[in-house]
């Protein structure tokens, strides 16, 4: 399905009713807008419940505290490399 839409003077785009109906988008849904290459936008419906479920499944059996500790070490190392005067 493809639709041509216009941008109004405030920069808004109306998602046609047929598209909203097809994707089950309603006024309380959140959408993610991202740039995909030159002159392309991707508008994706965020399904928070599915995201949480997927994250739980992906992280099952993993030591989250160890992952956080490793990430913090990496961040601190990068900060020290970029701003050595802060730690002198």
C-alpha atoms as a PDB file:
ATOM      1  CA  UNK A   1       0.000   0.000   0.000  1.00  0.00           C
ATOM      2  CA  UNK A   2       1.305   3.458  -0.866  1.00  0.00           C
ATOM      3  CA  UNK A   3      -0.252   6.870  -0.454  1.00  0.00           C
ATOM      4  CA  UNK A   4       0.868  10.341  -1.475  1.00  0.00           C
ATOM      5  CA  UNK A   5       0.469  12.875   1.321  1.00  0.00           C
ATOM      6  CA  UNK A   6       1.292  16.558   1.715  1.00  0.00           C
ATOM      7  CA  UNK A   7       2.989  18.415   4.518  1.00  0.00           C
ATOM      8  CA  UNK A   8       1.025  21.350   5.923  1.00  0.00           C
ATOM      9  CA  UNK A   9       2.524  24.730   6.820  1.00  0.00           C
ATOM     10  CA  UNK A  10       3.230  23.491  10.370  1.00  0.00           C
ATOM     11  CA  UNK A  11       5.187  20.493   9.074  1.00  0.00           C
ATOM     12  CA  UNK A  12       2.457  17.962   9.851  1.00  0.00           C
ATOM     13  CA  UNK A  13       1.595  14.933   7.778  1.00  0.00           C
ATOM     14  CA  UNK A  14      -1.797  13.254   7.986  1.00  0.00           C
ATOM     15  CA  UNK A  15      -1.705   9.479   7.836  1.00  0.00           C
ATOM     16  CA  UNK A  16      -4.647   8.485   5.628  1.00  0.00           C
ATOM     17  CA  UNK A  17      -7.501   6.669   7.341  1.00  0.00           C
ATOM     18  CA  UNK A  18      -7.062   3.618   5.121  1.00  0.00           C
ATOM     19  CA  UNK A  19      -3.424   3.272   6.235  1.00  0.00           C
ATOM     20  CA  UNK A  20      -4.291   3.808   9.908  1.00  0.00           C
ATOM     21  CA  UNK A  21      -7.010   1.181   9.635  1.00  0.00           C
ATOM     22  CA  UNK A  22      -4.719  -1.294   7.826  1.00  0.00           C
ATOM     23  CA  UNK A  23      -2.012  -0.951  10.516  1.00  0.00           C
ATOM     24  CA  UNK A  24      -4.364  -0.616  13.469  1.00  0.00           C
ATOM     25  CA  UNK A  25      -3.016   2.826  14.382  1.00  0.00           C
ATOM     26  CA  UNK A  26      -5.157   4.890  16.742  1.00  0.00           C
ATOM     27  CA  UNK A  27      -4.748   8.277  18.418  1.00  0.00           C
ATOM     28  CA  UNK A  28      -3.023   6.863  21.518  1.00  0.00           C
ATOM     29  CA  UNK A  29      -0.311   4.976  19.612  1.00  0.00           C
ATOM     30  CA  UNK A  30       3.266   6.181  19.472  1.00  0.00           C
ATOM     31  CA  UNK A  31       5.253   6.209  16.254  1.00  0.00           C
ATOM     32  CA  UNK A  32       9.002   6.187  15.678  1.00  0.00           C
ATOM     33  CA  UNK A  33      10.275   8.408  12.868  1.00  0.00           C
ATOM     34  CA  UNK A  34      13.764   7.673  11.566  1.00  0.00           C
ATOM     35  CA  UNK A  35      15.851   8.654   8.567  1.00  0.00           C
ATOM     36  CA  UNK A  36      16.618   5.754   6.239  1.00  0.00           C
ATOM     37  CA  UNK A  37      19.178   6.774   3.663  1.00  0.00           C
ATOM     38  CA  UNK A  38      18.955   9.831   1.469  1.00  0.00           C
ATOM     39  CA  UNK A  39      15.477  11.359   1.271  1.00  0.00           C
ATOM     40  CA  UNK A  40      13.771   8.445   3.028  1.00  0.00           C
ATOM     41  CA  UNK A  41      11.832   8.414   6.267  1.00  0.00           C
ATOM     42  CA  UNK A  42      10.600   5.370   8.118  1.00  0.00           C
ATOM     43  CA  UNK A  43       7.529   5.754  10.287  1.00  0.00           C
ATOM     44  CA  UNK A  44       7.030   2.740  12.519  1.00  0.00           C
ATOM     45  CA  UNK A  45       4.270   1.974  14.981  1.00  0.00           C
ATOM     46  CA  UNK A  46       5.709   1.320  18.425  1.00  0.00           C
ATOM     47  CA  UNK A  47       4.182  -1.668  20.137  1.00  0.00           C
ATOM     48  CA  UNK A  48       5.515  -1.260  23.673  1.00  0.00           C
ATOM     49  CA  UNK A  49       4.129  -4.604  24.886  1.00  0.00           C
ATOM     50  CA  UNK A  50       5.907  -6.466  22.084  1.00  0.00           C
ATOM     51  CA  UNK A  51       9.127  -4.547  22.707  1.00  0.00           C
ATOM     52  CA  UNK A  52       9.069  -5.413  26.417  1.00  0.00           C
ATOM     53  CA  UNK A  53       8.297  -9.059  25.688  1.00  0.00           C
ATOM     54  CA  UNK A  54      11.122  -9.266  23.144  1.00  0.00           C
ATOM     55  CA  UNK A  55      13.562  -7.597  25.523  1.00  0.00           C
ATOM     56  CA  UNK A  56      12.633  -9.985  28.334  1.00  0.00           C
ATOM     57  CA  UNK A  57      13.156 -12.964  26.025  1.00  0.00           C
ATOM     58  CA  UNK A  58      16.478 -11.599  24.755  1.00  0.00           C
ATOM     59  CA  UNK A  59      17.785 -10.899  28.248  1.00  0.00           C
ATOM     60  CA  UNK A  60      16.535 -14.122  29.847  1.00  0.00           C
ATOM     61  CA  UNK A  61      19.388 -15.978  31.531  1.00  0.00           C
ATOM     62  CA  UNK A  62      21.851 -13.110  31.064  1.00  0.00           C
ATOM     63  CA  UNK A  63      23.644 -11.331  33.885  1.00  0.00           C
ATOM     64  CA  UNK A  64      22.298  -7.809  33.413  1.00  0.00           C
ATOM     65  CA  UNK A  65      24.422  -6.422  36.254  1.00  0.00           C
ATOM     66  CA  UNK A  66      27.592  -7.670  34.546  1.00  0.00           C
ATOM     67  CA  UNK A  67      26.491  -6.122  31.239  1.00  0.00           C
ATOM     68  CA  UNK A  68      25.820  -2.779  32.936  1.00  0.00           C
ATOM     69  CA  UNK A  69      29.203  -2.913  34.685  1.00  0.00           C
ATOM     70  CA  UNK A  70      30.999  -3.578  31.388  1.00  0.00           C
ATOM     71  CA  UNK A  71      29.153  -0.772  29.603  1.00  0.00           C
ATOM     72  CA  UNK A  72      29.954   1.678  32.412  1.00  0.00           C
ATOM     73  CA  UNK A  73      33.652   0.768  32.194  1.00  0.00           C
ATOM     74  CA  UNK A  74      33.614   1.358  28.444  1.00  0.00           C
ATOM     75  CA  UNK A  75      31.859   4.714  28.848  1.00  0.00           C
ATOM     76  CA  UNK A  76      34.279   5.839  31.559  1.00  0.00           C
ATOM     77  CA  UNK A  77      37.266   4.838  29.416  1.00  0.00           C
ATOM     78  CA  UNK A  78      35.928   6.856  26.484  1.00  0.00           C
ATOM     79  CA  UNK A  79      35.269   9.880  28.704  1.00  0.00           C
ATOM     80  CA  UNK A  80      38.817   9.685  30.102  1.00  0.00           C
ATOM     81  CA  UNK A  81      40.227   9.445  26.569  1.00  0.00           C
ATOM     82  CA  UNK A  82      38.178  12.399  25.303  1.00  0.00           C
ATOM     83  CA  UNK A  83      38.559  14.597  28.407  1.00  0.00           C
ATOM     84  CA  UNK A  84      41.823  13.675  30.150  1.00  0.00           C
ATOM     85  CA  UNK A  85      41.941  17.023  31.986  1.00  0.00           C
ATOM     86  CA  UNK A  86      38.881  16.031  34.008  1.00  0.00           C
ATOM     87  CA  UNK A  87      40.800  13.207  35.643  1.00  0.00           C
ATOM     88  CA  UNK A  88      44.177  14.936  36.137  1.00  0.00           C
END
